[in-house]
Every structure is written in structure tokens, then in C-alpha cells.
Amino acid sequence: MGIRLDREKFAAAQVRANLNGKKLAEKAGVSRVTVTAVRNGKSCSELTAQKLAAGLGVRLSDITEKMG
């Protein structure tokens, strides 16, 4: 089961961290394609979501969609 990140929260965190897609990918240890896909609403694994949150310097719960 994949995790879907909240697109607006993810984009806002990326701006606050002053990281473009390439820099975030490098910092998080994922591909630039993955960053773009997640930013565009694709789901990802929990591990990838955790890496992205760490790269952004936020908690995973700060950028995930609320269910329900």
C-alpha cells in the first residue's frame, strides 16, 4: 500500500526548504523522477515518503494527506 503526500503541503515544504527537485532528490537519496511524480500526486512507498520528509526537514505527518 502506497502513501500519498499532500501536494500543497509537499510543495510548501519544498519552497520553505529552498530545494528544487534535483536538490531534494539528492538530499533525500531518491531520483528526480520520483520527486516529480510525488509532487504531481503519485503515491510512493513509506520508505520513499520518509526519505522525502527527511530531505525536507519535516515530519512525515506534516506532508501526508489526511485520510477520511
Foldseek 3Di string as FASTA:
>chain_A
DFFAWALVLLVVLCVVLVHDLCQLCVQLVHDSVVSVCNNVTDTHHPSSLCSSCVSSVHHSVSTTDDDD
